[in-house]
Amino acid sequence: IMIEHYLSMLDHYGEGAGKKIARKHISWYTKGLRDSAEFRQKVNKLTETNDVLATINAFFEPLLNEQAA
């Protein structure tokens, strides 16, 4: 859902504005999760869409694996 939301914001607002607006939404999605502050610092500095998507996937992968176990 988070990635779909991120990509929808880029489509709606355009790359430049969409990335800036998406930062606060990314923060909301990760608030309270383990290591989320570090994740938010990292993702907020990224400028390339593919880097943001890869960072989101890398952050959530261990959490999803824990739930599956």
N, C-alpha and C. Protein backbone atom coordinates (compact mmCIF):
# COMPACT_ATOMS: atom_id res chain seq x y z
N ILE A 1 0.84 -1.19 0.00
CA ILE A 1 0.00 0.00 0.00
C ILE A 1 0.88 1.25 0.00
N MET A 2 1.92 1.22 0.80
CA MET A 2 2.79 2.39 0.91
C MET A 2 3.45 2.72 -0.43
N ILE A 3 3.93 1.71 -1.13
CA ILE A 3 4.58 1.95 -2.42
C ILE A 3 3.57 2.46 -3.45
N GLU A 4 2.38 1.88 -3.46
CA GLU A 4 1.34 2.35 -4.37
C GLU A 4 1.00 3.81 -4.08
N HIS A 5 0.90 4.15 -2.80
CA HIS A 5 0.60 5.52 -2.39
C HIS A 5 1.71 6.46 -2.86
N TYR A 6 2.96 6.06 -2.64
CA TYR A 6 4.12 6.86 -3.05
C TYR A 6 4.08 7.12 -4.56
N LEU A 7 3.90 6.06 -5.33
CA LEU A 7 3.88 6.20 -6.79
C LEU A 7 2.69 7.04 -7.26
N SER A 8 1.56 6.91 -6.60
CA SER A 8 0.39 7.71 -6.94
C SER A 8 0.64 9.20 -6.70
N MET A 9 1.34 9.51 -5.62
CA MET A 9 1.67 10.91 -5.34
C MET A 9 2.60 11.47 -6.40
N LEU A 10 3.56 10.67 -6.85
CA LEU A 10 4.46 11.12 -7.91
C LEU A 10 3.68 11.37 -9.20
N ASP A 11 2.75 10.47 -9.51
CA ASP A 11 1.93 10.65 -10.71
C ASP A 11 1.05 11.90 -10.61
N HIS A 12 0.45 12.10 -9.45
CA HIS A 12 -0.48 13.21 -9.27
C HIS A 12 0.21 14.57 -9.21
N TYR A 13 1.27 14.66 -8.40
CA TYR A 13 1.93 15.94 -8.16
C TYR A 13 3.14 16.19 -9.05
N GLY A 14 3.62 15.14 -9.74
CA GLY A 14 4.86 15.26 -10.49
C GLY A 14 6.02 14.81 -9.61
N GLU A 15 7.14 14.50 -10.24
CA GLU A 15 8.30 13.96 -9.52
C GLU A 15 8.78 14.88 -8.40
N GLY A 16 9.02 16.12 -8.72
CA GLY A 16 9.61 17.05 -7.73
C GLY A 16 8.74 17.25 -6.51
N ALA A 17 7.54 17.76 -6.73
CA ALA A 17 6.63 18.03 -5.61
C ALA A 17 6.16 16.74 -4.95
N GLY A 18 5.93 15.72 -5.75
CA GLY A 18 5.44 14.45 -5.21
C GLY A 18 6.39 13.83 -4.21
N LYS A 19 7.69 13.89 -4.50
CA LYS A 19 8.68 13.33 -3.58
C LYS A 19 8.70 14.09 -2.26
N LYS A 20 8.59 15.40 -2.34
CA LYS A 20 8.59 16.20 -1.11
C LYS A 20 7.35 15.93 -0.27
N ILE A 21 6.21 15.86 -0.92
CA ILE A 21 4.95 15.61 -0.21
C ILE A 21 4.95 14.20 0.36
N ALA A 22 5.50 13.25 -0.37
CA ALA A 22 5.49 11.85 0.06
C ALA A 22 6.32 11.62 1.32
N ARG A 23 7.28 12.47 1.59
CA ARG A 23 8.14 12.26 2.77
C ARG A 23 7.33 12.18 4.06
N LYS A 24 6.36 13.07 4.22
CA LYS A 24 5.59 13.02 5.47
C LYS A 24 4.73 11.78 5.53
N HIS A 25 4.24 11.33 4.39
CA HIS A 25 3.42 10.11 4.37
C HIS A 25 4.27 8.88 4.70
N ILE A 26 5.48 8.84 4.16
CA ILE A 26 6.40 7.74 4.48
C ILE A 26 6.64 7.71 5.99
N SER A 27 6.80 8.87 6.57
CA SER A 27 7.00 8.94 8.03
C SER A 27 5.81 8.36 8.77
N TRP A 28 4.61 8.67 8.32
CA TRP A 28 3.41 8.16 8.99
C TRP A 28 3.34 6.64 8.89
N TYR A 29 3.68 6.10 7.76
CA TYR A 29 3.62 4.65 7.58
C TYR A 29 4.58 3.90 8.51
N THR A 30 5.69 4.53 8.85
CA THR A 30 6.71 3.83 9.62
C THR A 30 6.77 4.24 11.09
N LYS A 31 5.97 5.20 11.49
CA LYS A 31 6.00 5.69 12.86
C LYS A 31 5.78 4.55 13.84
N GLY A 32 6.68 4.47 14.81
CA GLY A 32 6.57 3.47 15.86
C GLY A 32 7.19 2.13 15.55
N LEU A 33 7.64 1.94 14.33
CA LEU A 33 8.28 0.67 13.97
C LEU A 33 9.76 0.71 14.35
N ARG A 34 10.31 -0.46 14.61
CA ARG A 34 11.72 -0.58 14.98
C ARG A 34 12.61 0.01 13.88
N ASP A 35 13.57 0.81 14.29
CA ASP A 35 14.55 1.46 13.40
C ASP A 35 13.93 2.44 12.42
N SER A 36 12.71 2.91 12.70
CA SER A 36 12.04 3.80 11.75
C SER A 36 12.68 5.19 11.68
N ALA A 37 13.23 5.68 12.77
CA ALA A 37 13.86 7.00 12.74
C ALA A 37 15.06 6.99 11.79
N GLU A 38 15.86 5.96 11.87
CA GLU A 38 17.02 5.82 10.98
C GLU A 38 16.55 5.70 9.52
N PHE A 39 15.51 4.92 9.29
CA PHE A 39 14.95 4.75 7.95
C PHE A 39 14.48 6.09 7.40
N ARG A 40 13.74 6.85 8.20
CA ARG A 40 13.21 8.14 7.74
C ARG A 40 14.34 9.11 7.40
N GLN A 41 15.39 9.13 8.21
CA GLN A 41 16.53 10.00 7.90
C GLN A 41 17.14 9.63 6.57
N LYS A 42 17.28 8.35 6.34
CA LYS A 42 17.89 7.88 5.10
C LYS A 42 16.99 8.17 3.88
N VAL A 43 15.74 7.80 3.97
CA VAL A 43 14.85 7.93 2.82
C VAL A 43 14.58 9.40 2.48
N ASN A 44 14.59 10.27 3.47
CA ASN A 44 14.34 11.69 3.21
C ASN A 44 15.49 12.37 2.48
N LYS A 45 16.64 11.75 2.44
CA LYS A 45 17.79 12.32 1.73
C LYS A 45 17.90 11.83 0.29
N LEU A 46 17.13 10.80 -0.05
CA LEU A 46 17.22 10.21 -1.38
C LEU A 46 16.51 11.07 -2.41
N THR A 47 17.06 11.09 -3.62
CA THR A 47 16.46 11.90 -4.68
C THR A 47 15.92 11.06 -5.84
N GLU A 48 16.37 9.84 -5.96
CA GLU A 48 15.95 8.98 -7.07
C GLU A 48 14.81 8.06 -6.62
N THR A 49 13.77 7.97 -7.43
CA THR A 49 12.61 7.15 -7.11
C THR A 49 13.00 5.70 -6.86
N ASN A 50 13.84 5.14 -7.70
CA ASN A 50 14.24 3.74 -7.53
C ASN A 50 14.97 3.52 -6.21
N ASP A 51 15.75 4.50 -5.78
CA ASP A 51 16.44 4.39 -4.50
C ASP A 51 15.45 4.42 -3.34
N VAL A 52 14.45 5.27 -3.44
CA VAL A 52 13.42 5.33 -2.40
C VAL A 52 12.67 4.00 -2.32
N LEU A 53 12.28 3.46 -3.47
CA LEU A 53 11.55 2.19 -3.49
C LEU A 53 12.39 1.05 -2.93
N ALA A 54 13.66 1.03 -3.29
CA ALA A 54 14.56 -0.02 -2.78
C ALA A 54 14.72 0.11 -1.27
N THR A 55 14.81 1.32 -0.76
CA THR A 55 14.97 1.55 0.68
C THR A 55 13.70 1.15 1.43
N ILE A 56 12.55 1.44 0.87
CA ILE A 56 11.28 1.02 1.48
C ILE A 56 11.23 -0.50 1.55
N ASN A 57 11.54 -1.15 0.44
CA ASN A 57 11.52 -2.62 0.42
C ASN A 57 12.51 -3.21 1.41
N ALA A 58 13.70 -2.64 1.49
CA ALA A 58 14.72 -3.14 2.41
C ALA A 58 14.29 -2.97 3.87
N PHE A 59 13.58 -1.89 4.16
CA PHE A 59 13.12 -1.65 5.52
C PHE A 59 12.03 -2.65 5.93
N PHE A 60 11.08 -2.89 5.05
CA PHE A 60 9.95 -3.74 5.41
C PHE A 60 10.20 -5.22 5.26
N GLU A 61 11.18 -5.63 4.46
CA GLU A 61 11.43 -7.05 4.24
C GLU A 61 11.67 -7.83 5.53
N PRO A 62 12.55 -7.38 6.42
CA PRO A 62 12.75 -8.13 7.67
C PRO A 62 11.49 -8.18 8.54
N LEU A 63 10.72 -7.12 8.54
CA LEU A 63 9.49 -7.09 9.34
C LEU A 63 8.48 -8.10 8.80
N LEU A 64 8.39 -8.20 7.47
CA LEU A 64 7.46 -9.15 6.87
C LEU A 64 7.94 -10.58 7.11
N ASN A 65 9.24 -10.79 7.07
CA ASN A 65 9.79 -12.12 7.33
C ASN A 65 9.53 -12.56 8.77
N GLU A 66 9.61 -11.62 9.71
CA GLU A 66 9.32 -11.93 11.11
C GLU A 66 7.87 -12.36 11.28
N GLN A 67 6.97 -11.67 10.61
CA GLN A 67 5.55 -12.00 10.71
C GLN A 67 5.26 -13.36 10.11
N ALA A 68 5.97 -13.69 9.04
CA ALA A 68 5.73 -14.96 8.36
C ALA A 68 6.24 -16.15 9.16
N ALA A 69 7.25 -15.89 10.02
CA ALA A 69 7.85 -16.99 10.79
C ALA A 69 7.02 -17.45 11.94
